[in-house]
Amino acid sequence: MTAQIITFGNFKGGTGKTTNATLSGLALARAHYKTLLIDMDPQGNATDIYFKTAGNLNNNMKAFDMTLLKAIQEEDLSGAVVKLDKNIDFLPSSVDFSYYPRYLEDKFKDSYEERVQYFSTLLSELQEKYDYILLDLPPTISLITDSALYASDWVIVVMQTQEHALQGAVGFIDYMQSQIIDSYHAPKLQFLGILPVLLKNGSPVDKNTLHAAEEEFGKENMFNTLIRSMERIKRYSIGGVISRDQYDRRVRYLYNQLVKEITERTQEGV
C-alpha cells in the first residue's frame, strides 16, 4: 500500500480543522484503514486530543519521547510515531515545531524551494506503512503550510458557515494553486472538497453561507456530509474522544459517513 496524504486546511482559524482531522483519523481506523495523523501545528492541539483519547482507550501513554521537529532533525520520522489504538498512529507536535522554518533556513540557506520539498522526502519513508496520512496545519501562510501542501495528494478545506471562513477557504485554494502547484510544482496535489462545518444547525447564516460556497466552488466540490454543531464534539477537545452513549454514537455515525465520502473520492481520483 502507498498512503494517500490529505491536508486539512483553511487560512481562517477556529474553523474546526483539528477536530475534523482527529475525528476523521479515528473513523478511518474504524473502517480498517491503517492511518497516521501528523500534527504540524506548534500549538499541538491534535496531539493533546489524542493523548486525552488514549486515556479513554486505556492506553497509558503519558508523554512522548520525541517531537516531530526532533524526528525531522534526525531525518527519521518513524522514531516519533506514537501508537494510539488499532489502525491509528500519530506524530506529536510541540511548541518546538515553531522553529521548523528556522531549522530549514539553516539547512538550505539559498533555496526556499528545497525547504518546501524536504518534508515530502522524509514523509515518503512512511507512505508504505499506511493507507492514509492526515496532516493538521496551523491557520497561517508559512513554510509549515507550504511543506505540508507540497507533500500532499489531497486537500480538504474545512469551512465553518460564516463569511470569514468562506473567504479563508477561497484564499486557501487560490494559494494552493498559485504557489504550491504553479510556483513550486507540487507533483500530486489535488483539491478533494469543501467540508462544511455548521455554526448553528438550520440557521439562516448557515444556509446563506452554504449557498454562497456552492456558487463559489460548485456543488460537486462540496462534501455531502455536513458536520453539524454538536455539544459532544466540543467536549472532545477537553476530555478526549469517548464512546459511551447515544451522543457519541451520533458523532461516530457522522464521521463514518464523512470517511465513506473521503475514501470514495480519493479512490476515484487515483
Protein backbone atom coordinates (compact mmCIF):
# COMPACT_ATOMS: atom_id res chain seq x y z
CA MET A 1 0.00 0.00 0.00
CA THR A 2 1.01 3.61 -0.57
CA ALA A 3 -0.69 6.13 1.68
CA GLN A 4 -2.97 8.83 0.38
CA ILE A 5 -1.80 12.05 2.08
CA ILE A 6 -4.56 14.52 2.99
CA THR A 7 -4.14 18.01 4.41
CA PHE A 8 -6.96 19.67 6.36
CA GLY A 9 -6.69 23.41 5.85
CA ASN A 10 -8.14 26.93 5.86
CA PHE A 11 -6.42 30.27 6.45
CA LYS A 12 -9.18 31.22 8.91
CA GLY A 13 -8.52 29.98 12.45
CA GLY A 14 -11.18 28.28 14.51
CA THR A 15 -12.92 26.54 11.62
CA GLY A 16 -12.58 23.03 13.05
CA LYS A 17 -9.54 21.77 11.13
CA THR A 18 -8.06 19.93 14.11
CA THR A 19 -11.36 18.46 15.28
CA ASN A 20 -12.14 17.14 11.84
CA ALA A 21 -8.65 15.80 11.22
CA THR A 22 -8.58 13.91 14.53
CA LEU A 23 -12.12 12.51 14.25
CA SER A 24 -11.59 11.56 10.60
CA GLY A 25 -8.44 9.70 11.60
CA LEU A 26 -10.35 7.67 14.17
CA ALA A 27 -13.15 6.97 11.68
CA LEU A 28 -10.66 5.78 9.05
CA ALA A 29 -9.17 3.43 11.63
CA ARG A 30 -12.63 2.06 12.47
CA ALA A 31 -13.09 1.41 8.75
CA HIS A 32 -9.92 -0.75 8.88
CA TYR A 33 -7.64 1.72 7.13
CA LYS A 34 -4.15 1.98 8.62
CA THR A 35 -3.96 5.67 9.45
CA LEU A 36 -1.34 8.17 10.63
CA LEU A 37 -2.18 11.69 11.80
CA ILE A 38 0.67 14.22 11.79
CA ASP A 39 0.24 17.28 14.00
CA MET A 40 2.04 20.12 12.19
CA ASP A 41 0.68 22.88 14.40
CA PRO A 42 3.13 24.09 17.10
CA GLN A 43 0.12 24.58 19.40
CA GLY A 44 -0.21 20.80 19.44
CA ASN A 45 -3.99 20.68 19.77
CA ALA A 46 -4.35 17.44 17.80
CA THR A 47 -1.62 15.93 19.96
CA ASP A 48 -3.48 16.99 23.09
CA ILE A 49 -6.77 15.48 21.88
CA TYR A 50 -5.14 12.15 21.03
CA PHE A 51 -3.28 11.92 24.34
CA LYS A 52 -6.56 12.51 26.19
CA THR A 53 -8.25 9.97 23.93
CA ALA A 54 -5.53 7.45 24.75
CA GLY A 55 -6.55 7.62 28.40
CA ASN A 56 -10.15 6.89 27.46
CA LEU A 57 -8.93 3.85 25.50
CA ASN A 58 -6.93 2.55 28.48
CA ASN A 59 -3.74 3.34 26.60
CA ASN A 60 -1.47 4.52 29.41
CA MET A 61 0.88 6.72 27.41
CA LYS A 62 1.86 9.76 29.48
CA ALA A 63 4.30 11.60 27.22
CA PHE A 64 6.22 11.20 24.01
CA ASP A 65 9.95 10.63 23.73
CA MET A 66 10.49 12.56 20.51
CA THR A 67 8.74 15.55 18.96
CA LEU A 68 8.07 15.96 15.26
CA LEU A 69 10.83 18.57 14.96
CA LYS A 70 13.37 16.28 16.64
CA ALA A 71 12.44 13.46 14.26
CA ILE A 72 12.92 15.81 11.30
CA GLN A 73 16.31 16.85 12.63
CA GLU A 74 17.27 13.18 12.91
CA GLU A 75 15.91 12.57 9.38
CA ASP A 76 13.70 9.71 10.56
CA LEU A 77 10.01 10.42 11.17
CA SER A 78 9.33 6.85 12.27
CA GLY A 79 11.21 7.48 15.52
CA ALA A 80 8.47 9.84 16.72
CA VAL A 81 5.43 7.73 15.77
CA VAL A 82 3.09 7.03 18.70
CA LYS A 83 0.50 4.23 18.63
CA LEU A 84 -2.94 5.43 19.73
CA ASP A 85 -5.12 2.40 19.01
CA LYS A 86 -5.70 -0.32 16.45
CA ASN A 87 -5.02 1.07 12.95
CA ILE A 88 -4.29 4.61 14.21
CA ASP A 89 -0.91 6.21 14.99
CA PHE A 90 0.12 9.84 15.29
CA LEU A 91 3.17 12.06 15.13
CA PRO A 92 3.01 14.51 18.05
CA SER A 93 3.90 18.17 17.82
CA SER A 94 5.03 20.64 20.44
CA VAL A 95 5.92 24.30 20.72
CA ASP A 96 9.41 23.49 19.41
CA PHE A 97 7.89 22.94 15.95
CA SER A 98 7.65 26.72 15.61
CA TYR A 99 11.43 26.54 14.93
CA TYR A 100 10.90 24.32 11.87
CA PRO A 101 11.24 27.21 9.36
CA ARG A 102 14.40 28.47 11.07
CA TYR A 103 15.91 24.97 11.08
CA LEU A 104 15.37 24.60 7.34
CA GLU A 105 16.67 28.10 6.67
CA ASP A 106 19.98 26.94 8.16
CA LYS A 107 19.87 23.61 6.32
CA PHE A 108 19.02 25.08 2.89
CA LYS A 109 20.38 28.60 3.01
CA ASP A 110 19.89 29.52 -0.64
CA SER A 111 16.75 27.72 -1.76
CA TYR A 112 13.23 28.15 -0.39
CA GLU A 113 12.02 25.53 -2.84
CA GLU A 114 14.34 22.93 -1.31
CA ARG A 115 12.92 23.79 2.12
CA VAL A 116 9.39 23.25 0.79
CA GLN A 117 10.28 19.87 -0.71
CA TYR A 118 12.25 18.48 2.24
CA PHE A 119 9.33 17.28 4.40
CA SER A 120 7.93 15.35 1.44
CA THR A 121 11.22 13.47 1.15
CA LEU A 122 11.10 12.39 4.79
CA LEU A 123 7.40 11.52 4.65
CA SER A 124 7.87 9.20 1.68
CA GLU A 125 9.56 6.70 4.03
CA LEU A 126 6.27 6.25 5.93
CA GLN A 127 3.91 6.03 2.98
CA GLU A 128 4.26 2.28 2.51
CA LYS A 129 3.15 1.64 6.10
CA TYR A 130 -0.25 3.36 5.93
CA ASP A 131 -3.37 3.69 3.83
CA TYR A 132 -3.98 7.31 4.82
CA ILE A 133 -1.78 10.03 6.30
CA LEU A 134 -3.62 13.11 7.60
CA LEU A 135 -1.90 16.46 8.15
CA ASP A 136 -3.25 19.04 10.60
CA LEU A 137 -1.99 22.60 9.98
CA PRO A 138 -1.89 25.97 11.70
CA PRO A 139 -4.05 28.66 10.02
CA THR A 140 -1.10 30.59 8.62
CA ILE A 141 0.89 31.08 5.45
CA SER A 142 4.33 29.74 6.30
CA LEU A 143 6.91 27.14 5.38
CA ILE A 144 4.92 24.68 7.51
CA THR A 145 1.87 25.11 5.29
CA ASP A 146 3.92 25.04 2.10
CA SER A 147 5.74 21.86 3.16
CA ALA A 148 2.50 20.04 4.05
CA LEU A 149 0.73 21.03 0.85
CA TYR A 150 3.70 20.08 -1.33
CA ALA A 151 3.78 16.63 0.29
CA SER A 152 0.03 16.05 -0.03
CA ASP A 153 -2.06 14.21 -2.56
CA TRP A 154 -5.27 15.96 -1.48
CA VAL A 155 -6.60 18.97 0.38
CA ILE A 156 -9.83 19.13 2.36
CA VAL A 157 -10.75 22.74 3.07
CA VAL A 158 -12.69 22.93 6.32
CA MET A 159 -15.18 25.78 6.12
CA GLN A 160 -17.26 26.96 9.03
CA THR A 161 -20.52 28.52 7.88
CA GLN A 162 -19.52 32.16 8.30
CA GLU A 163 -18.29 34.78 5.85
CA HIS A 164 -14.69 34.94 7.12
CA ALA A 165 -14.28 31.16 6.89
CA LEU A 166 -15.65 31.26 3.33
CA GLN A 167 -13.12 33.96 2.45
CA GLY A 168 -10.39 31.91 4.11
CA ALA A 169 -11.38 28.89 2.01
CA VAL A 170 -11.24 30.92 -1.20
CA GLY A 171 -7.82 32.29 -0.24
CA PHE A 172 -6.51 28.85 0.69
CA ILE A 173 -7.49 27.32 -2.64
CA ASP A 174 -6.08 30.28 -4.60
CA TYR A 175 -2.82 30.00 -2.67
CA MET A 176 -2.66 26.24 -3.22
CA GLN A 177 -2.96 26.72 -6.98
CA SER A 178 -0.79 29.82 -7.49
CA GLN A 179 2.04 28.96 -5.11
CA ILE A 180 2.21 25.26 -4.35
CA ILE A 181 1.16 23.94 -7.76
CA ASP A 182 2.19 26.70 -10.19
CA SER A 183 5.31 28.03 -8.43
CA TYR A 184 6.67 25.01 -6.53
CA HIS A 185 5.32 22.37 -8.94
CA ALA A 186 3.80 20.05 -6.35
CA PRO A 187 3.75 16.67 -8.09
CA LYS A 188 0.48 15.23 -6.72
CA LEU A 189 -1.63 17.92 -5.07
CA GLN A 190 -5.36 17.95 -5.83
CA PHE A 191 -8.44 19.53 -4.26
CA LEU A 192 -10.67 16.94 -2.57
CA GLY A 193 -13.51 19.18 -1.47
CA ILE A 194 -15.00 21.75 0.89
CA LEU A 195 -16.13 20.29 4.22
CA PRO A 196 -18.90 22.47 5.70
CA VAL A 197 -18.99 22.87 9.47
CA LEU A 198 -22.28 24.33 10.67
CA LEU A 199 -22.20 27.10 13.27
CA LYS A 200 -25.84 26.57 14.22
CA ASN A 201 -27.96 23.84 12.70
CA GLY A 202 -30.51 25.24 10.25
CA SER A 203 -29.79 28.91 10.86
CA PRO A 204 -30.16 31.48 8.04
CA VAL A 205 -26.41 32.23 8.28
CA ASP A 206 -25.59 28.56 7.71
CA LYS A 207 -27.93 28.33 4.74
CA ASN A 208 -26.70 31.56 3.14
CA THR A 209 -23.03 30.62 3.56
CA LEU A 210 -23.59 27.13 2.15
CA HIS A 211 -25.37 28.64 -0.86
CA ALA A 212 -22.52 31.12 -1.39
CA ALA A 213 -19.98 28.28 -1.15
CA GLU A 214 -21.86 26.22 -3.72
CA GLU A 215 -21.89 29.24 -6.03
CA GLU A 216 -18.17 29.81 -5.48
CA PHE A 217 -16.84 26.24 -5.66
CA GLY A 218 -19.59 24.24 -7.39
CA LYS A 219 -21.87 21.82 -5.58
CA GLU A 220 -19.84 18.85 -6.86
CA ASN A 221 -16.85 20.19 -4.90
CA MET A 222 -18.76 20.28 -1.59
CA PHE A 223 -18.86 17.23 0.67
CA ASN A 224 -22.41 15.96 1.08
CA THR A 225 -21.69 15.26 4.74
CA LEU A 226 -22.34 18.35 6.87
CA ILE A 227 -20.53 18.49 10.19
CA ARG A 228 -23.36 19.59 12.42
CA SER A 229 -22.99 21.59 15.59
CA MET A 230 -22.93 19.10 18.50
CA GLU A 231 -22.03 19.78 22.11
CA ARG A 232 -20.41 16.34 22.35
CA ILE A 233 -17.88 17.20 19.63
CA LYS A 234 -16.90 20.34 21.56
CA ARG A 235 -16.30 18.26 24.69
CA TYR A 236 -13.77 16.02 22.94
CA SER A 237 -11.20 18.83 22.94
CA ILE A 238 -11.49 18.95 26.74
CA GLY A 239 -11.57 15.29 27.69
CA GLY A 240 -10.60 13.42 24.54
CA VAL A 241 -12.81 11.29 22.31
CA ILE A 242 -15.10 8.84 24.09
CA SER A 243 -17.62 6.21 23.03
CA ARG A 244 -20.17 5.78 25.79
CA ASP A 245 -23.69 6.73 24.79
CA GLN A 246 -26.10 7.73 22.04
CA TYR A 247 -24.48 11.14 21.60
CA ASP A 248 -21.11 9.56 20.91
CA ARG A 249 -22.77 7.13 18.51
CA ARG A 250 -24.24 10.07 16.59
CA VAL A 251 -20.78 11.59 16.22
CA ARG A 252 -19.31 8.26 15.13
CA TYR A 253 -22.05 7.81 12.54
CA LEU A 254 -21.46 11.32 11.17
CA TYR A 255 -17.73 10.76 10.73
CA ASN A 256 -18.25 7.27 9.35
CA GLN A 257 -20.32 8.94 6.61
CA LEU A 258 -17.61 11.54 6.00
CA VAL A 259 -14.90 8.89 5.76
CA LYS A 260 -17.01 6.95 3.28
CA GLU A 261 -17.03 10.06 1.10
CA ILE A 262 -13.31 10.66 1.59
CA THR A 263 -12.36 7.13 0.60
CA GLU A 264 -14.68 7.14 -2.42
CA ARG A 265 -13.31 10.47 -3.66
CA THR A 266 -9.66 9.53 -3.17
CA GLN A 267 -10.06 6.14 -4.79
CA GLU A 268 -11.87 7.66 -7.77
CA GLY A 269 -9.09 10.19 -8.19
CA VAL A 270 -6.19 7.74 -8.11
